[in-house]
């Protein structure tokens, strides 16, 4: 039974350092050590203004991939909803955004569909209630002169990818009749320079991040999105604890309304949003040209798919069901370990859109 929520409150001779994400976002990890002081100050400020405080733990350093959050701050949308929003920078040293939410260090955070399901498998009481990117930008990138366009083209190639992505890719290859043993997998970091230098045939990263790094430096690439290869899911999946969802849904609905407006403003003003991130809200060292390119590219991921039909940040139970089936088929879990209802709720985003003025 659906309950009412109303009134309940990332061929060239470019050097590796020049393409390094850490180089472009230098100083980004410095944001990791800001837990206590900003939280206390923000809490005091929020109480003084009579605002409800929401702390969101970002999955990476502050850059244009999170532009809509900061558009909502810049334009006062959170304040109009009676909220003081704080966004904490993430980075490579993070233990996990789901842990931040489950332990109460953050009210909300972002992950992906499989991350939410794995959190439940690990007994972390978090649920998804929205999704920023309706299509995930994670992809296998290759040089246009030697493109990897489908699973069959991976055979005999060397591909750099994270350990956590390897089971996804090997499962897809096996299902497509391609022997994973025919592929040489090597570890990957956030530096796509190894692809530009021809050290690998394929590189896993975000087309909106590492892909932009390569393209803005004149490297012509082919992109095979993991979604198109067969991995279901969204990116920028918004999560909160079961407790917050169950006891304070109105707070999350109001937060979502501000977020929807923020992301729409970002979509309508991509260049201005990039400038704001570089000059005001982002980590030091962001490259404006790359931020503008990535900002414009977000239009291919945010207002598409389910969001094009139902509104920004929408989530569908069927996507989580497909991901659960995918993980069962991959042998990572058994049927019944996690249900769709445990992994997500559609009620909050539906209520947010229904109550938009």
Protein backbone atom coordinates (compact mmCIF):
# COMPACT_ATOMS: atom_id res chain seq x y z
CA UNK A 1 0.00 0.00 0.00
CA UNK A 2 1.35 3.43 -0.94
CA UNK A 3 1.38 5.83 1.97
CA UNK A 4 1.00 9.58 1.67
CA UNK A 5 4.11 11.63 2.37
CA UNK A 6 2.41 14.98 2.58
CA UNK A 7 2.68 16.95 5.80
CA UNK A 8 5.08 14.46 7.35
CA UNK A 9 8.49 15.97 6.94
CA UNK A 10 35.66 10.97 -15.13
CA UNK A 11 47.01 8.44 -31.00
CA UNK A 12 48.77 11.02 -28.98
CA UNK A 13 52.14 11.58 -27.45
CA UNK A 14 50.55 13.28 -24.47
CA UNK A 15 52.41 12.56 -21.29
CA UNK A 16 50.77 10.63 -18.52
CA UNK A 17 50.89 13.45 -15.94
CA UNK A 18 49.10 15.81 -18.32
CA UNK A 19 46.11 13.48 -18.45
CA UNK A 20 45.96 12.58 -14.80
CA UNK A 21 42.60 13.16 -13.15
CA UNK A 22 44.37 13.74 -9.84
CA UNK A 23 46.56 16.35 -11.56
CA UNK A 24 43.53 18.16 -12.96
CA UNK A 25 41.72 17.96 -9.64
CA UNK A 26 44.75 18.64 -7.49
CA UNK A 27 43.89 19.36 -3.94
CA UNK A 28 40.64 17.39 -4.27
CA UNK A 29 41.39 14.79 -1.64
CA UNK A 30 42.02 17.57 0.83
CA UNK A 31 38.27 17.75 1.22
CA UNK A 32 38.26 14.42 3.00
CA UNK A 33 39.30 15.81 6.33
CA UNK A 34 36.39 18.18 6.88
CA UNK A 35 33.95 16.04 8.82
CA UNK A 36 33.66 17.63 12.24
CA UNK A 37 34.22 21.38 12.03
CA UNK A 38 32.01 22.16 9.01
CA UNK A 39 29.32 19.84 10.37
CA UNK A 40 29.21 21.66 13.68
CA UNK A 41 29.25 25.10 12.12
CA UNK A 42 26.61 24.19 9.57
CA UNK A 43 24.42 22.73 12.27
CA UNK A 44 24.64 25.92 14.31
CA UNK A 45 23.85 28.05 11.27
CA UNK A 46 20.91 25.87 10.29
CA UNK A 47 19.40 26.01 13.77
CA UNK A 48 19.83 29.80 13.89
CA UNK A 49 17.91 30.16 10.62
CA UNK A 50 15.30 27.54 11.47
CA UNK A 51 16.45 25.34 8.56
CA UNK A 52 16.67 21.57 8.47
CA UNK A 53 20.24 20.45 7.83
CA UNK A 54 21.02 17.75 5.22
CA UNK A 55 24.59 16.52 4.78
CA UNK A 56 25.35 14.78 1.48
CA UNK A 57 28.53 12.74 1.07
CA UNK A 58 29.78 12.99 -2.52
CA UNK A 59 31.32 9.96 -4.16
CA UNK A 60 34.21 11.97 -5.59
CA UNK A 61 35.82 15.40 -5.33
CA UNK A 62 33.74 18.48 -6.06
CA UNK A 63 33.56 18.96 -9.83
CA UNK A 64 30.99 19.45 -12.57
CA UNK A 65 29.64 15.90 -12.32
CA UNK A 66 27.89 17.19 -9.19
CA UNK A 67 26.90 20.53 -10.72
CA UNK A 68 23.18 20.27 -10.04
CA UNK A 69 23.77 20.06 -6.29
CA UNK A 70 25.63 23.35 -6.30
CA UNK A 71 23.18 24.98 -8.70
CA UNK A 72 20.53 24.34 -6.06
CA UNK A 73 22.70 26.06 -3.46
CA UNK A 74 23.64 28.95 -5.79
CA UNK A 75 20.03 29.67 -6.70
CA UNK A 76 18.65 29.30 -3.20
CA UNK A 77 16.47 26.29 -3.96
CA UNK A 78 17.40 24.44 -0.77
CA UNK A 79 16.72 27.46 1.37
CA UNK A 80 13.31 27.86 -0.26
CA UNK A 81 12.57 24.30 0.88
CA UNK A 82 13.66 25.07 4.44
CA UNK A 83 16.92 23.18 4.11
CA UNK A 84 20.57 24.00 4.70
CA UNK A 85 22.46 21.57 2.46
CA UNK A 86 26.11 20.67 2.90
CA UNK A 87 28.09 18.60 0.39
CA UNK A 88 31.20 16.83 1.63
CA UNK A 89 33.93 16.03 -0.88
CA UNK A 90 34.78 12.40 -1.52
CA UNK A 91 37.88 10.90 -3.06
CA UNK A 92 40.00 7.77 -3.49
CA UNK A 93 40.55 7.27 0.24
CA UNK A 94 36.85 6.97 1.09
CA UNK A 95 35.70 3.82 2.83
CA UNK A 96 32.37 4.00 1.01
CA UNK A 97 29.46 6.38 0.61
CA UNK A 98 27.05 3.75 1.85
CA UNK A 99 29.00 3.49 5.10
CA UNK A 100 28.76 7.27 5.58
CA UNK A 101 24.98 7.06 5.38
CA UNK A 102 24.60 3.88 7.41
CA UNK A 103 26.69 5.28 10.27
CA UNK A 104 24.89 8.62 10.31
CA UNK A 105 27.87 10.70 9.19
CA UNK A 106 25.79 11.81 6.21
CA UNK A 107 22.07 12.10 5.61
CA UNK A 108 22.32 11.20 1.93
CA UNK A 109 24.97 10.10 -0.56
CA UNK A 110 25.44 8.78 -4.09
CA UNK A 111 26.47 5.39 -5.44
CA UNK A 112 25.18 3.16 -8.25
CA UNK A 113 22.51 0.48 -8.51
CA UNK A 114 24.84 -2.43 -7.82
CA UNK A 115 26.48 -0.49 -5.00
CA UNK A 116 23.11 -0.13 -3.31
CA UNK A 117 22.39 -3.84 -3.65
CA UNK A 118 25.83 -4.81 -2.36
CA UNK A 119 25.32 -2.50 0.62
CA UNK A 120 22.19 -4.45 1.52
CA UNK A 121 24.12 -7.68 1.06
CA UNK A 122 26.58 -6.30 3.59
CA UNK A 123 23.77 -5.57 6.06
CA UNK A 124 23.97 -1.79 5.59
CA UNK A 125 20.43 -0.39 5.97
CA UNK A 126 20.40 2.02 3.02
CA UNK A 127 17.94 2.44 0.18
CA UNK A 128 17.95 4.30 -3.14
CA UNK A 129 15.36 7.03 -3.60
CA UNK A 130 16.50 8.81 -6.79
CA UNK A 131 19.09 8.72 -9.59
CA UNK A 132 20.87 11.66 -11.19
CA UNK A 133 22.23 9.92 -14.29
CA UNK A 134 19.70 7.76 -16.05
CA UNK A 135 22.45 6.28 -18.21
CA UNK A 136 25.72 5.39 -16.48
CA UNK A 137 28.81 7.02 -18.05
CA UNK A 138 31.07 4.09 -17.12
CA UNK A 139 32.56 2.73 -20.34
CA UNK A 140 35.37 0.89 -22.05
CA UNK A 141 37.20 3.52 -24.08
CA UNK A 142 39.57 2.75 -26.94
CA UNK A 143 41.45 4.65 -29.62
CA UNK A 144 39.28 5.39 -32.65
CA UNK A 145 41.94 3.86 -34.90
CA UNK A 146 41.58 0.56 -33.03
CA UNK A 147 38.02 0.68 -31.65
CA UNK A 148 36.48 -1.78 -29.22
CA UNK A 149 32.80 -1.48 -30.04
CA UNK A 150 31.30 -4.70 -28.71
CA UNK A 151 32.19 -7.70 -26.53
CA UNK A 152 33.47 -9.77 -29.48
CA UNK A 153 36.02 -7.05 -30.31
CA UNK A 154 37.58 -7.44 -26.83
CA UNK A 155 39.04 -10.85 -27.69
CA UNK A 156 42.85 -10.84 -27.70
CA UNK A 157 43.03 -7.30 -26.36
CA UNK A 158 44.54 -5.74 -23.21
CA UNK A 159 42.01 -3.84 -21.13
CA UNK A 160 42.66 -1.74 -18.04
CA UNK A 161 39.83 -1.77 -15.53
CA UNK A 162 39.20 -1.80 -11.77
CA UNK A 163 38.96 -5.12 -9.95
CA UNK A 164 35.34 -4.38 -9.08
CA UNK A 165 34.36 -4.05 -12.74
CA UNK A 166 36.11 -7.21 -13.93
CA UNK A 167 33.33 -9.60 -12.81
CA UNK A 168 30.80 -7.49 -14.72
CA UNK A 169 32.78 -7.62 -17.94
CA UNK A 170 33.79 -11.27 -17.70
CA UNK A 171 30.18 -12.22 -16.99
CA UNK A 172 28.98 -10.33 -20.03
CA UNK A 173 31.69 -11.89 -22.21
CA UNK A 174 30.87 -15.39 -21.06
CA UNK A 175 27.17 -14.85 -21.77
CA UNK A 176 28.07 -13.55 -25.25
CA UNK A 177 30.24 -16.59 -25.99
CA UNK A 178 33.54 -14.70 -25.71
CA UNK A 179 36.24 -16.41 -23.62
CA UNK A 180 37.41 -14.00 -20.87
CA UNK A 181 40.73 -15.86 -20.81
CA UNK A 182 41.41 -14.40 -24.26
CA UNK A 183 41.59 -10.92 -22.72
CA UNK A 184 44.50 -9.57 -20.70
CA UNK A 185 43.15 -7.53 -17.80
CA UNK A 186 45.46 -5.03 -16.09
CA UNK A 187 44.82 -2.74 -13.08
CA UNK A 188 43.65 0.79 -13.73
CA UNK A 189 43.84 4.10 -11.92
CA UNK A 190 42.26 7.44 -12.75
CA UNK A 191 44.88 8.22 -15.42
CA UNK A 192 43.80 7.53 -19.03
CA UNK A 193 47.27 8.38 -20.36
CA UNK A 194 48.03 4.67 -20.75
CA UNK A 195 45.37 4.49 -23.46
CA UNK A 196 46.65 7.58 -25.26
CA UNK A 197 50.16 6.11 -25.15
CA UNK A 198 48.93 2.82 -26.66
CA UNK A 199 49.93 0.77 -23.61
CA UNK A 200 46.47 -0.80 -23.49
CA UNK A 201 43.75 -1.39 -26.07
CA UNK A 202 40.90 -0.49 -23.76
CA UNK A 203 40.49 1.64 -20.66
CA UNK A 204 37.59 1.68 -18.23
CA UNK A 205 36.51 5.07 -16.90
CA UNK A 206 33.73 7.60 -17.06
CA UNK A 207 33.17 9.00 -20.54
CA UNK A 208 32.20 12.27 -18.87
CA UNK A 209 35.50 12.45 -17.03
CA UNK A 210 38.47 10.51 -18.37
CA UNK A 211 36.82 10.48 -21.79
CA UNK A 212 36.61 14.27 -21.73
CA UNK A 213 40.23 14.48 -20.57
CA UNK A 214 41.30 12.54 -23.64
CA UNK A 215 39.04 14.32 -26.11
CA UNK A 216 39.93 17.85 -24.96
CA UNK A 217 43.57 16.94 -25.57
CA UNK A 218 42.94 15.82 -29.13
CA UNK A 219 42.76 12.07 -28.56
CA UNK A 220 40.05 10.55 -30.76
CA UNK A 221 38.33 7.73 -28.89
CA UNK A 222 35.57 5.16 -29.30
CA UNK A 223 33.25 4.61 -26.33
CA UNK A 224 31.46 1.38 -25.43
CA UNK A 225 29.16 2.11 -22.49
CA UNK A 226 28.73 -0.64 -19.93
CA UNK A 227 24.96 -0.08 -20.08
CA UNK A 228 25.02 -0.75 -23.83
CA UNK A 229 27.18 -3.84 -23.29
CA UNK A 230 24.52 -5.24 -20.97
CA UNK A 231 25.08 -3.94 -17.42
CA UNK A 232 21.81 -2.51 -16.06
CA UNK A 233 21.65 0.56 -13.90
CA UNK A 234 21.82 4.25 -13.23
CA UNK A 235 24.71 6.39 -11.93
CA UNK A 236 24.60 8.98 -9.19
CA UNK A 237 22.04 6.88 -7.34
CA UNK A 238 20.86 8.79 -4.28
CA UNK A 239 20.70 6.82 -1.03
CA UNK A 240 19.55 7.43 2.51
CA UNK A 241 19.19 5.22 5.56
CA UNK A 242 16.07 3.18 6.17
CA UNK A 243 15.54 5.24 9.30
CA UNK A 244 15.56 8.58 7.48
CA UNK A 245 13.31 7.30 4.69
CA UNK A 246 10.84 5.78 7.13
CA UNK A 247 10.74 8.50 9.78
CA UNK A 248 11.43 11.73 7.88
CA UNK A 249 10.31 11.29 4.28
CA UNK A 250 9.16 14.90 3.96
CA UNK A 251 12.73 16.13 4.49
CA UNK A 252 13.93 13.99 1.59
CA UNK A 253 11.01 15.05 -0.61
CA UNK A 254 11.84 18.72 -0.02
CA UNK A 255 15.54 17.99 -0.68
CA UNK A 256 14.58 16.24 -3.93
CA UNK A 257 12.47 19.16 -5.08
CA UNK A 258 15.46 21.49 -4.67
CA UNK A 259 17.69 18.94 -6.42
CA UNK A 260 15.33 18.61 -9.38
CA UNK A 261 15.37 22.38 -9.85
CA UNK A 262 19.15 22.46 -9.44
CA UNK A 263 19.78 19.81 -12.05
CA UNK A 264 17.34 21.46 -14.46
CA UNK A 265 19.22 24.74 -14.04
CA UNK A 266 22.48 22.91 -14.75
CA UNK A 267 20.99 21.38 -17.92
CA UNK A 268 19.77 24.82 -19.03
CA UNK A 269 23.05 26.62 -18.19
CA UNK A 270 25.95 24.17 -18.75
CA UNK A 271 28.69 26.75 -19.41
CA UNK A 272 27.67 29.00 -16.53
CA UNK A 273 27.54 26.01 -14.21
CA UNK A 274 31.07 24.99 -15.23
CA UNK A 275 32.34 28.50 -14.48
CA UNK A 276 30.66 28.40 -11.06
CA UNK A 277 32.32 25.08 -10.24
CA UNK A 278 35.77 26.34 -11.27
CA UNK A 279 35.49 29.74 -9.60
CA UNK A 280 33.31 29.09 -6.57
CA UNK A 281 32.18 25.58 -5.66
CA UNK A 282 34.70 23.06 -7.02
CA UNK A 283 38.07 21.84 -5.88
CA UNK A 284 41.09 23.96 -6.74
CA UNK A 285 42.82 23.19 -10.02
CA UNK A 286 39.78 22.32 -12.14
CA UNK A 287 40.36 22.90 -15.86
CA UNK A 288 37.61 25.18 -17.23
CA UNK A 289 37.72 23.79 -20.79
CA UNK A 290 37.30 20.24 -19.52
CA UNK A 291 34.60 21.27 -17.05
CA UNK A 292 32.59 22.98 -19.81
CA UNK A 293 32.91 19.95 -22.09
CA UNK A 294 31.82 17.60 -19.31
CA UNK A 295 28.99 19.92 -18.29
CA UNK A 296 27.54 19.93 -21.80
CA UNK A 297 27.92 16.15 -21.99
CA UNK A 298 25.71 15.69 -18.94
CA UNK A 299 22.71 16.30 -21.19
CA UNK A 300 23.30 12.82 -22.61
CA UNK A 301 22.94 11.23 -19.17
CA UNK A 302 20.67 13.25 -16.86
CA UNK A 303 17.44 14.21 -18.73
CA UNK A 304 17.15 10.93 -20.68
CA UNK A 305 15.62 7.49 -20.26
CA UNK A 306 13.19 7.23 -17.37
CA UNK A 307 13.75 10.90 -16.51
CA UNK A 308 12.65 12.00 -19.97
CA UNK A 309 9.30 10.35 -19.37
CA UNK A 310 8.76 10.91 -15.66
CA UNK A 311 11.02 13.81 -14.61
CA UNK A 312 14.58 14.35 -13.45
CA UNK A 313 16.12 11.99 -10.86
CA UNK A 314 13.48 9.32 -11.48
CA UNK A 315 14.08 5.67 -10.58
CA UNK A 316 12.24 2.53 -11.67
CA UNK A 317 11.98 -0.69 -9.63
CA UNK A 318 12.56 -2.71 -12.81
CA UNK A 319 16.14 -1.39 -13.12
CA UNK A 320 16.94 -2.65 -9.63
CA UNK A 321 15.23 -5.95 -10.43
CA UNK A 322 17.40 -6.36 -13.53
CA UNK A 323 20.52 -5.60 -11.50
CA UNK A 324 19.55 -8.16 -8.85
CA UNK A 325 19.00 -10.78 -11.56
CA UNK A 326 22.34 -9.82 -13.11
CA UNK A 327 24.19 -10.32 -9.81
CA UNK A 328 22.43 -13.64 -9.24
CA UNK A 329 23.43 -14.84 -12.72
CA UNK A 330 27.00 -13.66 -12.04
CA UNK A 331 27.06 -15.78 -8.87
CA UNK A 332 27.51 -12.81 -6.52
CA UNK A 333 24.27 -13.45 -4.63
CA UNK A 334 21.38 -15.85 -4.39
CA UNK A 335 17.72 -15.27 -5.06
CA UNK A 336 16.05 -13.69 -2.08
CA UNK A 337 19.24 -12.25 -0.57
CA UNK A 338 18.09 -8.73 -1.47
CA UNK A 339 14.69 -7.70 -2.78
CA UNK A 340 13.82 -4.69 -4.89
CA UNK A 341 11.83 -3.27 -1.98
CA UNK A 342 14.88 -3.49 0.28
CA UNK A 343 17.10 -1.77 -2.30
CA UNK A 344 14.93 1.17 -3.36
CA UNK A 345 11.77 3.20 -3.02
CA UNK A 346 10.04 5.17 -5.74
CA UNK A 347 7.69 6.95 -3.37
CA UNK A 348 9.88 9.94 -2.55
CA UNK A 349 10.75 10.96 -6.12
CA UNK A 350 7.13 10.47 -7.15
CA UNK A 351 5.98 12.69 -4.31
CA UNK A 352 8.63 15.31 -5.10
CA UNK A 353 7.41 15.62 -8.69
CA UNK A 354 3.77 15.56 -7.65
CA UNK A 355 4.29 18.49 -5.30
CA UNK A 356 6.50 20.69 -7.51
CA UNK A 357 5.01 24.14 -7.82
